[in-house]
Amino acid sequence: RANNVFYIELDNYINNKLVLEIAIKALNNIAGLNSLVSILLVFRTYLRINIDSALSLNIITRANTI
C-alpha cells in the first residue's frame, strides 16, 4: 500500500526501484521491536534492493541488534 502511495505521488520524478526502496525504508522506520518478523522481512527485501550498494552503518547496527 505504501508503495502505491509513493508511486502515485512521485511517478514523474523517480523510477520504480527508488519508489520501492523509499516504501521499504519507511516501513523499516515504522516497525518496532514488537514486530520482529516484519523487521526481518524488511531487511531481507531492503538488502536485495541494495545488493550493489555498500551497507550503511545504520543498517548494519540494526541488523546486529536483531
PDB file of N, CA and C in Angstrom:
ATOM      1  N   ARG A   1       0.818  -1.188   0.000  1.00  0.00           N
ATOM      2  CA  ARG A   1       0.000   0.000   0.000  1.00  0.00           C
ATOM      3  C   ARG A   1       0.864   1.256   0.000  1.00  0.00           C
ATOM      4  N   ALA A   2       1.908   1.274   0.844  1.00  0.00           N
ATOM      5  CA  ALA A   2       2.803   2.433   0.879  1.00  0.00           C
ATOM      6  C   ALA A   2       3.493   2.615  -0.462  1.00  0.00           C
ATOM      7  N   ASN A   3       3.848   1.497  -1.088  1.00  0.00           N
ATOM      8  CA  ASN A   3       4.490   1.563  -2.395  1.00  0.00           C
ATOM      9  C   ASN A   3       3.592   2.276  -3.395  1.00  0.00           C
ATOM     10  N   ASN A   4       2.302   1.970  -3.379  1.00  0.00           N
ATOM     11  CA  ASN A   4       1.362   2.612  -4.304  1.00  0.00           C
ATOM     12  C   ASN A   4       1.249   4.104  -4.050  1.00  0.00           C
ATOM     13  N   VAL A   5       1.215   4.499  -2.781  1.00  0.00           N
ATOM     14  CA  VAL A   5       1.123   5.924  -2.443  1.00  0.00           C
ATOM     15  C   VAL A   5       2.343   6.667  -2.963  1.00  0.00           C
ATOM     16  N   PHE A   6       3.528   6.133  -2.681  1.00  0.00           N
ATOM     17  CA  PHE A   6       4.753   6.786  -3.157  1.00  0.00           C
ATOM     18  C   PHE A   6       4.799   6.811  -4.684  1.00  0.00           C
ATOM     19  N   TYR A   7       4.373   5.716  -5.303  1.00  0.00           N
ATOM     20  CA  TYR A   7       4.405   5.640  -6.765  1.00  0.00           C
ATOM     21  C   TYR A   7       3.500   6.702  -7.388  1.00  0.00           C
ATOM     22  N   ILE A   8       2.298   6.851  -6.844  1.00  0.00           N
ATOM     23  CA  ILE A   8       1.360   7.843  -7.381  1.00  0.00           C
ATOM     24  C   ILE A   8       1.889   9.258  -7.183  1.00  0.00           C
ATOM     25  N   GLU A   9       2.416   9.536  -5.989  1.00  0.00           N
ATOM     26  CA  GLU A   9       2.874  10.887  -5.669  1.00  0.00           C
ATOM     27  C   GLU A   9       4.164  11.264  -6.403  1.00  0.00           C
ATOM     28  N   LEU A  10       5.047  10.291  -6.629  1.00  0.00           N
ATOM     29  CA  LEU A  10       6.375  10.589  -7.166  1.00  0.00           C
ATOM     30  C   LEU A  10       6.600  10.043  -8.572  1.00  0.00           C
ATOM     31  N   ASP A  11       5.548   9.640  -9.247  1.00  0.00           N
ATOM     32  CA  ASP A  11       5.654   8.973 -10.546  1.00  0.00           C
ATOM     33  C   ASP A  11       6.485   9.754 -11.558  1.00  0.00           C
ATOM     34  N   ASN A  12       6.352  11.040 -11.604  1.00  0.00           N
ATOM     35  CA  ASN A  12       7.062  11.837 -12.606  1.00  0.00           C
ATOM     36  C   ASN A  12       8.502  12.148 -12.223  1.00  0.00           C
ATOM     37  N   TYR A  13       8.892  11.820 -11.008  1.00  0.00           N
ATOM     38  CA  TYR A  13      10.193  12.257 -10.519  1.00  0.00           C
ATOM     39  C   TYR A  13      11.221  11.142 -10.367  1.00  0.00           C
ATOM     40  N   ILE A  14      10.799   9.933 -10.005  1.00  0.00           N
ATOM     41  CA  ILE A  14      11.761   8.853  -9.777  1.00  0.00           C
ATOM     42  C   ILE A  14      11.244   7.551 -10.375  1.00  0.00           C
ATOM     43  N   ASN A  15      12.150   6.568 -10.495  1.00  0.00           N
ATOM     44  CA  ASN A  15      11.772   5.292 -11.110  1.00  0.00           C
ATOM     45  C   ASN A  15      11.192   4.310 -10.085  1.00  0.00           C
ATOM     46  N   ASN A  16      10.705   3.180 -10.564  1.00  0.00           N
ATOM     47  CA  ASN A  16      10.033   2.191  -9.709  1.00  0.00           C
ATOM     48  C   ASN A  16      10.936   1.642  -8.616  1.00  0.00           C
ATOM     49  N   LYS A  17      12.197   1.421  -8.922  1.00  0.00           N
ATOM     50  CA  LYS A  17      13.116   0.864  -7.932  1.00  0.00           C
ATOM     51  C   LYS A  17      13.272   1.813  -6.748  1.00  0.00           C
ATOM     52  N   LEU A  18      13.390   3.097  -7.024  1.00  0.00           N
ATOM     53  CA  LEU A  18      13.523   4.067  -5.942  1.00  0.00           C
ATOM     54  C   LEU A  18      12.235   4.193  -5.139  1.00  0.00           C
ATOM     55  N   VAL A  19      11.088   4.092  -5.790  1.00  0.00           N
ATOM     56  CA  VAL A  19       9.810   4.133  -5.074  1.00  0.00           C
ATOM     57  C   VAL A  19       9.727   2.960  -4.100  1.00  0.00           C
ATOM     58  N   LEU A  20      10.091   1.768  -4.550  1.00  0.00           N
ATOM     59  CA  LEU A  20      10.069   0.597  -3.684  1.00  0.00           C
ATOM     60  C   LEU A  20      11.050   0.756  -2.530  1.00  0.00           C
ATOM     61  N   GLU A  21      12.227   1.285  -2.812  1.00  0.00           N
ATOM     62  CA  GLU A  21      13.226   1.495  -1.767  1.00  0.00           C
ATOM     63  C   GLU A  21      12.712   2.467  -0.702  1.00  0.00           C
ATOM     64  N   ILE A  22      12.063   3.540  -1.119  1.00  0.00           N
ATOM     65  CA  ILE A  22      11.512   4.518  -0.174  1.00  0.00           C
ATOM     66  C   ILE A  22      10.419   3.876   0.678  1.00  0.00           C
ATOM     67  N   ALA A  23       9.549   3.097   0.051  1.00  0.00           N
ATOM     68  CA  ALA A  23       8.458   2.448   0.789  1.00  0.00           C
ATOM     69  C   ALA A  23       9.000   1.478   1.829  1.00  0.00           C
ATOM     70  N   ILE A  24      10.017   0.714   1.467  1.00  0.00           N
ATOM     71  CA  ILE A  24      10.596  -0.248   2.399  1.00  0.00           C
ATOM     72  C   ILE A  24      11.317   0.463   3.530  1.00  0.00           C
ATOM     73  N   LYS A  25      12.024   1.536   3.217  1.00  0.00           N
ATOM     74  CA  LYS A  25      12.702   2.310   4.260  1.00  0.00           C
ATOM     75  C   LYS A  25      11.682   2.903   5.226  1.00  0.00           C
ATOM     76  N   ALA A  26      10.567   3.398   4.704  1.00  0.00           N
ATOM     77  CA  ALA A  26       9.518   3.955   5.568  1.00  0.00           C
ATOM     78  C   ALA A  26       8.946   2.873   6.483  1.00  0.00           C
ATOM     79  N   LEU A  27       8.679   1.696   5.936  1.00  0.00           N
ATOM     80  CA  LEU A  27       8.170   0.592   6.743  1.00  0.00           C
ATOM     81  C   LEU A  27       9.186   0.177   7.789  1.00  0.00           C
ATOM     82  N   ASN A  28      10.444   0.147   7.413  1.00  0.00           N
ATOM     83  CA  ASN A  28      11.509  -0.222   8.325  1.00  0.00           C
ATOM     84  C   ASN A  28      11.574   0.752   9.495  1.00  0.00           C
ATOM     85  N   ASN A  29      11.385   2.033   9.239  1.00  0.00           N
ATOM     86  CA  ASN A  29      11.437   3.031  10.301  1.00  0.00           C
ATOM     87  C   ASN A  29      10.212   2.974  11.204  1.00  0.00           C
ATOM     88  N   ILE A  30       9.086   2.494  10.684  1.00  0.00           N
ATOM     89  CA  ILE A  30       7.855   2.418  11.468  1.00  0.00           C
ATOM     90  C   ILE A  30       7.838   1.175  12.355  1.00  0.00           C
ATOM     91  N   ALA A  31       8.383   0.063  11.864  1.00  0.00           N
ATOM     92  CA  ALA A  31       8.311  -1.210  12.586  1.00  0.00           C
ATOM     93  C   ALA A  31       9.075  -1.127  13.900  1.00  0.00           C
ATOM     94  N   GLY A  32       8.472  -1.617  14.961  1.00  0.00           N
ATOM     95  CA  GLY A  32       9.106  -1.602  16.278  1.00  0.00           C
ATOM     96  C   GLY A  32       9.623  -2.980  16.642  1.00  0.00           C
ATOM     97  N   LEU A  33      10.198  -3.077  17.834  1.00  0.00           N
ATOM     98  CA  LEU A  33      10.753  -4.353  18.279  1.00  0.00           C
ATOM     99  C   LEU A  33       9.672  -5.407  18.496  1.00  0.00           C
ATOM    100  N   ASN A  34       8.431  -4.978  18.715  1.00  0.00           N
ATOM    101  CA  ASN A  34       7.360  -5.949  18.915  1.00  0.00           C
ATOM    102  C   ASN A  34       6.898  -6.586  17.611  1.00  0.00           C
ATOM    103  N   SER A  35       7.408  -6.132  16.488  1.00  0.00           N
ATOM    104  CA  SER A  35       7.059  -6.733  15.195  1.00  0.00           C
ATOM    105  C   SER A  35       8.324  -7.223  14.500  1.00  0.00           C
ATOM    106  N   LEU A  36       9.009  -8.126  15.168  1.00  0.00           N
ATOM    107  CA  LEU A  36      10.299  -8.625  14.702  1.00  0.00           C
ATOM    108  C   LEU A  36      10.206  -9.279  13.329  1.00  0.00           C
ATOM    109  N   VAL A  37       9.154 -10.035  13.056  1.00  0.00           N
ATOM    110  CA  VAL A  37       9.001 -10.699  11.762  1.00  0.00           C
ATOM    111  C   VAL A  37       8.943  -9.667  10.645  1.00  0.00           C
ATOM    112  N   SER A  38       8.190  -8.595  10.850  1.00  0.00           N
ATOM    113  CA  SER A  38       8.113  -7.535   9.838  1.00  0.00           C
ATOM    114  C   SER A  38       9.477  -6.918   9.581  1.00  0.00           C
ATOM    115  N   ILE A  39      10.220  -6.671  10.656  1.00  0.00           N
ATOM    116  CA  ILE A  39      11.541  -6.066  10.506  1.00  0.00           C
ATOM    117  C   ILE A  39      12.451  -6.984   9.700  1.00  0.00           C
ATOM    118  N   LEU A  40      12.436  -8.270   9.995  1.00  0.00           N
ATOM    119  CA  LEU A  40      13.292  -9.205   9.262  1.00  0.00           C
ATOM    120  C   LEU A  40      12.919  -9.252   7.791  1.00  0.00           C
ATOM    121  N   LEU A  41      11.625  -9.241   7.497  1.00  0.00           N
ATOM    122  CA  LEU A  41      11.198  -9.230   6.101  1.00  0.00           C
ATOM    123  C   LEU A  41      11.659  -7.957   5.409  1.00  0.00           C
ATOM    124  N   VAL A  42      11.575  -6.847   6.100  1.00  0.00           N
ATOM    125  CA  VAL A  42      12.018  -5.582   5.525  1.00  0.00           C
ATOM    126  C   VAL A  42      13.510  -5.627   5.243  1.00  0.00           C
ATOM    127  N   PHE A  43      14.288  -6.128   6.182  1.00  0.00           N
ATOM    128  CA  PHE A  43      15.733  -6.192   5.960  1.00  0.00           C
ATOM    129  C   PHE A  43      16.066  -7.083   4.768  1.00  0.00           C
ATOM    130  N   ARG A  44      15.435  -8.238   4.648  1.00  0.00           N
ATOM    131  CA  ARG A  44      15.734  -9.118   3.509  1.00  0.00           C
ATOM    132  C   ARG A  44      15.432  -8.415   2.202  1.00  0.00           C
ATOM    133  N   THR A  45      14.301  -7.777   2.118  1.00  0.00           N
ATOM    134  CA  THR A  45      13.927  -7.073   0.899  1.00  0.00           C
ATOM    135  C   THR A  45      14.842  -5.894   0.672  1.00  0.00           C
ATOM    136  N   TYR A  46      15.114  -5.142   1.709  1.00  0.00           N
ATOM    137  CA  TYR A  46      15.964  -3.958   1.597  1.00  0.00           C
ATOM    138  C   TYR A  46      17.359  -4.347   1.118  1.00  0.00           C
ATOM    139  N   LEU A  47      17.880  -5.432   1.651  1.00  0.00           N
ATOM    140  CA  LEU A  47      19.221  -5.863   1.247  1.00  0.00           C
ATOM    141  C   LEU A  47      19.240  -6.341  -0.202  1.00  0.00           C
ATOM    142  N   ARG A  48      18.177  -6.951  -0.672  1.00  0.00           N
ATOM    143  CA  ARG A  48      18.125  -7.368  -2.075  1.00  0.00           C
ATOM    144  C   ARG A  48      18.092  -6.164  -3.002  1.00  0.00           C
ATOM    145  N   ILE A  49      17.365  -5.135  -2.617  1.00  0.00           N
ATOM    146  CA  ILE A  49      17.294  -3.935  -3.444  1.00  0.00           C
ATOM    147  C   ILE A  49      18.665  -3.284  -3.544  1.00  0.00           C
ATOM    148  N   ASN A  50      19.400  -3.280  -2.453  1.00  0.00           N
ATOM    149  CA  ASN A  50      20.683  -2.590  -2.390  1.00  0.00           C
ATOM    150  C   ASN A  50      21.865  -3.543  -2.494  1.00  0.00           C
ATOM    151  N   ILE A  51      21.707  -4.634  -3.221  1.00  0.00           N
ATOM    152  CA  ILE A  51      22.761  -5.641  -3.317  1.00  0.00           C
ATOM    153  C   ILE A  51      24.068  -5.061  -3.864  1.00  0.00           C
ATOM    154  N   ASP A  52      23.968  -4.050  -4.737  1.00  0.00           N
ATOM    155  CA  ASP A  52      25.162  -3.458  -5.321  1.00  0.00           C
ATOM    156  C   ASP A  52      25.721  -2.309  -4.497  1.00  0.00           C
ATOM    157  N   SER A  53      24.975  -1.855  -3.518  1.00  0.00           N
ATOM    158  CA  SER A  53      25.393  -0.719  -2.707  1.00  0.00           C
ATOM    159  C   SER A  53      26.036  -1.206  -1.414  1.00  0.00           C
ATOM    160  N   ALA A  54      26.939  -0.415  -0.905  1.00  0.00           N
ATOM    161  CA  ALA A  54      27.524  -0.727   0.395  1.00  0.00           C
ATOM    162  C   ALA A  54      26.484  -0.453   1.477  1.00  0.00           C
ATOM    163  N   LEU A  55      26.475  -1.285   2.506  1.00  0.00           N
ATOM    164  CA  LEU A  55      25.528  -1.090   3.596  1.00  0.00           C
ATOM    165  C   LEU A  55      25.947   0.093   4.455  1.00  0.00           C
ATOM    166  N   SER A  56      24.986   0.868   4.871  1.00  0.00           N
ATOM    167  CA  SER A  56      25.296   1.975   5.764  1.00  0.00           C
ATOM    168  C   SER A  56      25.486   1.434   7.172  1.00  0.00           C
ATOM    169  N   LEU A  57      26.174   2.186   7.997  1.00  0.00           N
ATOM    170  CA  LEU A  57      26.418   1.776   9.377  1.00  0.00           C
ATOM    171  C   LEU A  57      25.103   1.604  10.134  1.00  0.00           C
ATOM    172  N   ASN A  58      24.118   2.422   9.811  1.00  0.00           N
ATOM    173  CA  ASN A  58      22.813   2.341  10.461  1.00  0.00           C
ATOM    174  C   ASN A  58      22.155   0.981  10.212  1.00  0.00           C
ATOM    175  N   ILE A  59      22.204   0.484   8.995  1.00  0.00           N
ATOM    176  CA  ILE A  59      21.596  -0.807   8.659  1.00  0.00           C
ATOM    177  C   ILE A  59      22.352  -1.942   9.344  1.00  0.00           C
ATOM    178  N   ILE A  60      23.668  -1.874   9.352  1.00  0.00           N
ATOM    179  CA  ILE A  60      24.481  -2.910   9.996  1.00  0.00           C
ATOM    180  C   ILE A  60      24.189  -2.952  11.494  1.00  0.00           C
ATOM    181  N   THR A  61      24.073  -1.786  12.122  1.00  0.00           N
ATOM    182  CA  THR A  61      23.780  -1.713  13.554  1.00  0.00           C
ATOM    183  C   THR A  61      22.419  -2.317  13.860  1.00  0.00           C
ATOM    184  N   ARG A  62      21.414  -1.998  13.052  1.00  0.00           N
ATOM    185  CA  ARG A  62      20.074  -2.554  13.268  1.00  0.00           C
ATOM    186  C   ARG A  62      20.074  -4.067  13.081  1.00  0.00           C
ATOM    187  N   ALA A  63      20.762  -4.556  12.068  1.00  0.00           N
ATOM    188  CA  ALA A  63      20.810  -5.999  11.813  1.00  0.00           C
ATOM    189  C   ALA A  63      21.501  -6.725  12.961  1.00  0.00           C
ATOM    190  N   ASN A  64      22.588  -6.159  13.483  1.00  0.00           N
ATOM    191  CA  ASN A  64      23.294  -6.775  14.605  1.00  0.00           C
ATOM    192  C   ASN A  64      22.444  -6.776  15.868  1.00  0.00           C
ATOM    193  N   THR A  65      21.641  -5.745  16.049  1.00  0.00           N
ATOM    194  CA  THR A  65      20.770  -5.661  17.217  1.00  0.00           C
ATOM    195  C   THR A  65      19.733  -6.764  17.204  1.00  0.00           C
ATOM    196  N   ILE A  66      19.208  -7.041  16.031  1.00  0.00           N
ATOM    197  CA  ILE A  66      18.190  -8.096  15.909  1.00  0.00           C
ATOM    198  C   ILE A  66      18.831  -9.445  16.114  1.00  0.00           C
TER     199      ILE A  66
END
